[in-house]
Amino acid sequence: MLIVCARAGFVRLGVVAVDGTKITANASIDASHERGHYQAKVAAMTAEAATGSAAATARNGGWSGAPPRFPGRR
């Protein structure tokens, strides 16, 4: 892919030398997770939101949060 980008003129290729120097970085654990990890988190959050919504509806006597209709109006 790098060669394709270089041929298209997006990047210039040069020499990079690595000498083993340790450089501290501010990297978070979230930056290193795979796609499946985030898909599982989204699924868990969605399930939690649905459970919370159902519990709130039951607590409110069946009221789901939608505004009531006004009598006599259509």
Foldseek 3Di string as FASTA:
>chain_A
DVVVCVVVPNDPDDDDDDDPDDDDDDDDPVVPDDPVVVVVVVVVVVVVVVVVQVVVCVVVVNDNPDDDDDPPDD
